[in-house]
Structure formats: C-alpha cells, structure tokens
N, C-alpha and C. Protein backbone atom coordinates (compact mmCIF):
# COMPACT_ATOMS: atom_id res chain seq x y z
N LEU A 1 55.88 -45.78 20.79
CA LEU A 1 56.50 -46.59 21.82
C LEU A 1 57.73 -45.89 22.39
N ASP A 2 58.48 -45.23 21.53
CA ASP A 2 59.67 -44.52 21.98
C ASP A 2 59.31 -43.42 22.98
N LEU A 3 58.25 -42.69 22.68
CA LEU A 3 57.79 -41.63 23.58
C LEU A 3 57.39 -42.20 24.94
N PHE A 4 56.68 -43.33 24.93
CA PHE A 4 56.29 -43.99 26.16
C PHE A 4 57.51 -44.40 26.97
N MET A 5 58.50 -44.95 26.31
CA MET A 5 59.70 -45.43 27.01
C MET A 5 60.50 -44.27 27.60
N ARG A 6 60.45 -43.10 26.97
CA ARG A 6 61.20 -41.94 27.47
C ARG A 6 60.45 -41.18 28.55
N ALA A 7 59.17 -41.46 28.72
CA ALA A 7 58.37 -40.73 29.70
C ALA A 7 58.83 -41.05 31.13
N ASP A 8 58.73 -40.06 32.00
CA ASP A 8 59.04 -40.25 33.41
C ASP A 8 57.73 -40.62 34.11
N HIS A 9 57.46 -41.91 34.17
CA HIS A 9 56.18 -42.39 34.69
C HIS A 9 56.01 -42.09 36.18
N GLU A 10 57.08 -42.11 36.92
CA GLU A 10 56.99 -41.78 38.36
C GLU A 10 56.59 -40.32 38.54
N GLN A 11 57.15 -39.43 37.71
CA GLN A 11 56.79 -38.02 37.79
C GLN A 11 55.33 -37.82 37.40
N GLU A 12 54.88 -38.51 36.37
CA GLU A 12 53.47 -38.42 35.95
C GLU A 12 52.54 -38.90 37.06
N LEU A 13 52.92 -39.99 37.73
CA LEU A 13 52.10 -40.49 38.83
C LEU A 13 52.03 -39.48 39.96
N ARG A 14 53.17 -38.86 40.30
CA ARG A 14 53.17 -37.82 41.35
C ARG A 14 52.28 -36.64 40.95
N PHE A 15 52.36 -36.23 39.68
CA PHE A 15 51.56 -35.12 39.17
C PHE A 15 50.07 -35.42 39.30
N HIS A 16 49.65 -36.60 38.85
CA HIS A 16 48.22 -36.94 38.88
C HIS A 16 47.74 -37.24 40.29
N THR A 17 48.60 -37.75 41.14
CA THR A 17 48.25 -37.96 42.54
C THR A 17 47.99 -36.60 43.21
N ALA A 18 48.83 -35.62 42.90
CA ALA A 18 48.63 -34.27 43.45
C ALA A 18 47.32 -33.68 42.94
N GLN A 19 46.98 -33.93 41.67
CA GLN A 19 45.70 -33.45 41.14
C GLN A 19 44.53 -34.07 41.90
N ALA A 20 44.61 -35.37 42.14
CA ALA A 20 43.54 -36.06 42.86
C ALA A 20 43.39 -35.49 44.27
N GLU A 21 44.50 -35.29 44.95
CA GLU A 21 44.46 -34.72 46.30
C GLU A 21 43.90 -33.31 46.30
N ARG A 22 44.24 -32.51 45.29
CA ARG A 22 43.72 -31.15 45.18
C ARG A 22 42.21 -31.17 44.95
N LEU A 23 41.74 -32.05 44.09
CA LEU A 23 40.30 -32.19 43.87
C LEU A 23 39.59 -32.53 45.17
N ARG A 24 40.10 -33.53 45.87
CA ARG A 24 39.47 -33.93 47.13
C ARG A 24 39.48 -32.79 48.13
N SER A 25 40.59 -32.09 48.21
CA SER A 25 40.71 -30.98 49.15
C SER A 25 39.71 -29.86 48.82
N MET A 26 39.57 -29.55 47.54
CA MET A 26 38.67 -28.47 47.13
C MET A 26 37.21 -28.81 47.40
N LEU A 27 36.87 -30.09 47.42
CA LEU A 27 35.48 -30.50 47.63
C LEU A 27 35.21 -31.01 49.05
N SER A 28 36.22 -31.06 49.89
CA SER A 28 36.11 -31.71 51.20
C SER A 28 35.14 -31.04 52.16
N SER A 29 34.91 -29.76 52.02
CA SER A 29 34.02 -29.07 52.96
C SER A 29 32.54 -29.19 52.58
N ARG A 30 32.26 -29.78 51.46
CA ARG A 30 30.87 -29.88 50.99
C ARG A 30 30.14 -30.97 51.76
N THR A 31 28.91 -30.68 52.14
CA THR A 31 28.10 -31.67 52.86
C THR A 31 27.19 -32.46 51.93
N ASP A 32 27.16 -32.08 50.64
CA ASP A 32 26.28 -32.74 49.69
C ASP A 32 26.98 -33.82 48.86
N LEU A 33 28.23 -34.11 49.22
CA LEU A 33 28.96 -35.15 48.48
C LEU A 33 30.06 -35.73 49.34
N ARG A 34 30.57 -36.86 48.86
CA ARG A 34 31.78 -37.44 49.47
C ARG A 34 32.69 -37.85 48.33
N THR A 35 33.97 -37.80 48.58
CA THR A 35 34.95 -38.16 47.56
C THR A 35 35.80 -39.33 48.02
N GLU A 36 36.27 -40.09 47.07
CA GLU A 36 37.21 -41.17 47.31
C GLU A 36 38.28 -41.11 46.23
N ILE A 37 39.50 -41.32 46.64
CA ILE A 37 40.58 -41.45 45.66
C ILE A 37 40.88 -42.93 45.53
N GLU A 38 40.82 -43.40 44.31
CA GLU A 38 41.11 -44.80 44.01
C GLU A 38 42.45 -44.85 43.29
N ALA A 39 43.42 -45.49 43.91
CA ALA A 39 44.77 -45.54 43.34
C ALA A 39 45.21 -46.99 43.19
N ASP A 40 44.51 -47.71 42.37
CA ASP A 40 44.80 -49.12 42.12
C ASP A 40 45.51 -49.24 40.78
N TRP A 41 46.81 -49.47 40.83
CA TRP A 41 47.64 -49.52 39.62
C TRP A 41 47.12 -50.55 38.62
N GLU A 42 46.52 -51.62 39.08
CA GLU A 42 46.02 -52.64 38.17
C GLU A 42 44.75 -52.18 37.45
N GLN A 43 44.04 -51.21 38.01
CA GLN A 43 42.83 -50.66 37.39
C GLN A 43 43.12 -49.40 36.58
N TRP A 44 43.98 -48.53 37.12
CA TRP A 44 44.21 -47.21 36.53
C TRP A 44 45.70 -46.88 36.55
N PRO A 45 46.19 -46.17 35.51
CA PRO A 45 47.61 -45.78 35.49
C PRO A 45 47.93 -44.66 36.47
N ALA A 46 46.91 -43.98 36.97
CA ALA A 46 47.06 -42.92 37.97
C ALA A 46 45.73 -42.85 38.72
N PRO A 47 45.70 -42.15 39.84
CA PRO A 47 44.47 -42.13 40.65
C PRO A 47 43.26 -41.58 39.90
N VAL A 48 42.11 -42.11 40.27
CA VAL A 48 40.83 -41.54 39.85
C VAL A 48 40.14 -41.03 41.10
N VAL A 49 39.31 -40.02 40.91
CA VAL A 49 38.56 -39.46 42.02
C VAL A 49 37.09 -39.78 41.79
N ARG A 50 36.50 -40.44 42.76
CA ARG A 50 35.08 -40.75 42.69
C ARG A 50 34.34 -39.76 43.58
N ILE A 51 33.22 -39.27 43.05
CA ILE A 51 32.41 -38.27 43.75
C ILE A 51 30.99 -38.81 43.84
N PHE A 52 30.51 -38.96 45.06
CA PHE A 52 29.20 -39.54 45.30
C PHE A 52 28.28 -38.52 45.97
N PRO A 53 27.00 -38.46 45.56
CA PRO A 53 26.07 -37.58 46.25
C PRO A 53 25.79 -38.10 47.66
N HIS A 54 25.68 -37.19 48.59
CA HIS A 54 25.32 -37.55 49.96
C HIS A 54 23.81 -37.49 50.10
N ARG A 55 23.21 -38.60 50.48
CA ARG A 55 21.75 -38.67 50.70
C ARG A 55 20.95 -38.16 49.50
N SER A 56 21.36 -38.55 48.33
CA SER A 56 20.67 -38.18 47.08
C SER A 56 20.52 -36.66 46.92
N ALA A 57 21.52 -35.92 47.37
CA ALA A 57 21.48 -34.45 47.30
C ALA A 57 21.45 -33.96 45.86
N TRP A 58 21.96 -34.75 44.93
CA TRP A 58 21.98 -34.39 43.51
C TRP A 58 22.06 -35.67 42.69
N GLN A 59 21.77 -35.54 41.40
CA GLN A 59 21.72 -36.68 40.50
C GLN A 59 22.96 -36.70 39.61
N PRO A 60 23.82 -37.73 39.72
CA PRO A 60 25.05 -37.78 38.94
C PRO A 60 24.85 -37.58 37.43
N GLU A 61 23.85 -38.22 36.85
CA GLU A 61 23.65 -38.09 35.40
C GLU A 61 23.27 -36.66 35.03
N ALA A 62 22.43 -36.02 35.83
CA ALA A 62 22.05 -34.63 35.55
C ALA A 62 23.26 -33.70 35.66
N VAL A 63 24.11 -33.95 36.64
CA VAL A 63 25.32 -33.13 36.79
C VAL A 63 26.27 -33.38 35.62
N ARG A 64 26.40 -34.63 35.21
CA ARG A 64 27.27 -34.95 34.06
C ARG A 64 26.81 -34.18 32.82
N ILE A 65 25.53 -34.18 32.55
CA ILE A 65 24.99 -33.47 31.38
C ILE A 65 25.22 -31.97 31.51
N ALA A 66 24.98 -31.43 32.69
CA ALA A 66 25.18 -29.99 32.90
C ALA A 66 26.65 -29.61 32.73
N LEU A 67 27.57 -30.47 33.16
CA LEU A 67 29.00 -30.19 32.99
C LEU A 67 29.40 -30.24 31.52
N ILE A 68 28.86 -31.19 30.78
CA ILE A 68 29.16 -31.27 29.35
C ILE A 68 28.65 -30.02 28.63
N ASP A 69 27.48 -29.55 29.03
CA ASP A 69 26.87 -28.39 28.39
C ASP A 69 27.45 -27.06 28.88
N SER A 70 28.32 -27.10 29.88
CA SER A 70 28.86 -25.86 30.44
C SER A 70 30.07 -25.38 29.63
N GLU A 71 30.55 -24.22 30.00
CA GLU A 71 31.74 -23.65 29.36
C GLU A 71 32.78 -23.43 30.44
N PRO A 72 33.91 -24.10 30.42
CA PRO A 72 34.27 -25.10 29.41
C PRO A 72 33.50 -26.40 29.60
N SER A 73 33.37 -27.15 28.54
CA SER A 73 32.72 -28.45 28.61
C SER A 73 33.61 -29.41 29.39
N ILE A 74 33.03 -30.09 30.36
CA ILE A 74 33.78 -31.02 31.22
C ILE A 74 33.11 -32.37 31.16
N HIS A 75 33.89 -33.41 30.89
CA HIS A 75 33.34 -34.77 30.84
C HIS A 75 33.76 -35.55 32.07
N LEU A 76 32.78 -36.10 32.78
CA LEU A 76 33.02 -37.02 33.90
C LEU A 76 32.22 -38.29 33.62
N ASN A 77 32.77 -39.41 33.96
CA ASN A 77 32.03 -40.66 33.83
C ASN A 77 31.04 -40.80 34.98
N VAL A 78 29.90 -41.40 34.70
CA VAL A 78 28.93 -41.73 35.74
C VAL A 78 28.93 -43.24 35.88
N GLU A 79 29.25 -43.70 37.08
CA GLU A 79 29.26 -45.14 37.35
C GLU A 79 29.26 -45.37 38.86
N GLN A 80 28.84 -46.53 39.27
CA GLN A 80 28.82 -46.94 40.67
C GLN A 80 28.08 -45.95 41.56
N GLY A 81 27.04 -45.31 41.02
CA GLY A 81 26.23 -44.40 41.81
C GLY A 81 26.79 -43.01 41.99
N GLY A 82 27.86 -42.71 41.28
CA GLY A 82 28.47 -41.39 41.38
C GLY A 82 29.17 -41.01 40.10
N MET A 83 30.10 -40.08 40.21
CA MET A 83 30.88 -39.64 39.06
C MET A 83 32.34 -39.96 39.30
N MET A 84 33.08 -40.06 38.19
CA MET A 84 34.50 -40.37 38.30
C MET A 84 35.30 -39.40 37.45
N ILE A 85 36.35 -38.85 38.05
CA ILE A 85 37.30 -38.02 37.32
C ILE A 85 38.57 -38.83 37.16
N ASN A 86 38.95 -39.05 35.93
CA ASN A 86 40.12 -39.84 35.58
C ASN A 86 41.30 -38.87 35.45
N THR A 87 42.17 -38.78 36.46
CA THR A 87 43.22 -37.76 36.45
C THR A 87 44.19 -37.89 35.28
N PRO A 88 44.47 -39.08 34.72
CA PRO A 88 45.36 -39.11 33.55
C PRO A 88 44.82 -38.33 32.36
N CYS A 89 43.53 -38.01 32.36
CA CYS A 89 42.92 -37.25 31.27
C CYS A 89 42.99 -35.74 31.51
N LEU A 90 43.48 -35.34 32.68
CA LEU A 90 43.51 -33.92 33.03
C LEU A 90 44.87 -33.30 32.73
N ARG A 91 44.84 -32.10 32.16
CA ARG A 91 46.06 -31.32 32.02
C ARG A 91 46.22 -30.46 33.27
N GLU A 92 47.35 -29.82 33.39
CA GLU A 92 47.63 -29.00 34.56
C GLU A 92 46.54 -27.94 34.75
N GLY A 93 46.02 -27.86 35.96
CA GLY A 93 45.01 -26.88 36.32
C GLY A 93 43.58 -27.29 36.05
N GLU A 94 43.37 -28.34 35.27
CA GLU A 94 42.00 -28.74 34.95
C GLU A 94 41.27 -29.34 36.14
N GLU A 95 42.00 -29.83 37.13
CA GLU A 95 41.35 -30.33 38.33
C GLU A 95 40.70 -29.19 39.10
N VAL A 96 41.33 -28.02 39.09
CA VAL A 96 40.79 -26.84 39.76
C VAL A 96 39.53 -26.37 39.04
N ILE A 97 39.60 -26.30 37.72
CA ILE A 97 38.45 -25.90 36.91
C ILE A 97 37.28 -26.86 37.15
N SER A 98 37.56 -28.16 37.15
CA SER A 98 36.51 -29.17 37.34
C SER A 98 35.86 -29.04 38.71
N ALA A 99 36.66 -28.89 39.76
CA ALA A 99 36.12 -28.77 41.11
C ALA A 99 35.28 -27.50 41.26
N ARG A 100 35.78 -26.40 40.73
CA ARG A 100 35.04 -25.14 40.83
C ARG A 100 33.72 -25.21 40.08
N ARG A 101 33.74 -25.75 38.88
CA ARG A 101 32.52 -25.82 38.08
C ARG A 101 31.50 -26.75 38.72
N LEU A 102 31.96 -27.88 39.26
CA LEU A 102 31.06 -28.79 39.95
C LEU A 102 30.41 -28.09 41.14
N ALA A 103 31.20 -27.38 41.92
CA ALA A 103 30.66 -26.65 43.07
C ALA A 103 29.64 -25.60 42.63
N GLU A 104 29.94 -24.88 41.54
CA GLU A 104 29.00 -23.88 41.03
C GLU A 104 27.68 -24.52 40.65
N LEU A 105 27.74 -25.66 39.98
CA LEU A 105 26.51 -26.36 39.59
C LEU A 105 25.71 -26.80 40.80
N LEU A 106 26.38 -27.39 41.77
CA LEU A 106 25.68 -27.90 42.94
C LEU A 106 25.13 -26.78 43.81
N ASP A 107 25.75 -25.62 43.77
CA ASP A 107 25.27 -24.47 44.55
C ASP A 107 24.19 -23.68 43.83
N GLY A 108 24.06 -23.90 42.51
CA GLY A 108 23.13 -23.12 41.70
C GLY A 108 21.75 -23.73 41.64
N GLU A 109 20.97 -23.15 40.79
CA GLU A 109 19.57 -23.56 40.63
C GLU A 109 19.37 -24.31 39.30
N ASP A 110 20.43 -24.93 38.77
CA ASP A 110 20.33 -25.60 37.47
C ASP A 110 19.27 -26.70 37.53
N ALA A 111 18.41 -26.68 36.57
CA ALA A 111 17.30 -27.65 36.51
C ALA A 111 17.83 -29.07 36.41
N GLY A 112 17.26 -29.95 37.21
CA GLY A 112 17.59 -31.36 37.12
C GLY A 112 18.81 -31.80 37.90
N VAL A 113 19.57 -30.87 38.44
CA VAL A 113 20.78 -31.25 39.16
C VAL A 113 20.46 -31.67 40.58
N ALA A 114 19.53 -31.02 41.22
CA ALA A 114 19.18 -31.35 42.61
C ALA A 114 18.61 -32.75 42.71
N GLY A 115 18.73 -33.32 43.88
CA GLY A 115 18.24 -34.68 44.12
C GLY A 115 16.73 -34.80 44.05
N ALA A 116 16.30 -36.05 44.03
CA ALA A 116 14.86 -36.31 43.93
C ALA A 116 14.16 -36.11 45.25
C-alpha cells in the first residue's frame, strides 16, 4: 500500500497514454486492421489499445497463439472480435516490440493467421 501511495499516478498515466498512441501510430498505415484507444478510467487504470481485423483479413485467436509462440512471447487478450493490448502491463519499449511483431505476423505466411 505504501508503494501505491508513493507512486506518481499522473506520470504513469502519461507514460501509458504515450505507449497507446505509439502503438496506434505504428499500426495506422495498415489496411488489414483498425485500432481504437479506450481510455475509460472506470474500466482501466490506463488506456488499452484494441486491434480489429478489417474485413476478416486475419483471425484474432490465430494471431494471439502465434504471438504467444513467438520470440519474445507476447500475450494479447482476444475479445469483442479483436485483440486488446493492456498498456499497464507493458514496460518501456514493449509497445514497439508488440507492434513490430504483430506487423511481421500479418505480413508473413504464418499458418492460420490469415482470414477465412
């Protein structure tokens, strides 16, 4: 509790908001997905980034499995027809790694990732 009370929560929020914006920016030119930043304080302590396939270009569950099996292993939640990156779970720079790895998977020939 003491550690929580001493934390600079406003600074943490700015840090994770910047991560969310960086993720969205890194993926913004892709035509096979769309991103949304959800910043609802009552739902999340910091923004989450939702990533949805455009026109079933890829399968969220297949991408989730491929990311878990990749190096480094990356965990994203699958819900609401897409994937969710919870920025409070990311350390510095992990948003860049996540965006790059996701792009590599979607650009590659990994079995099961492409849409139906």
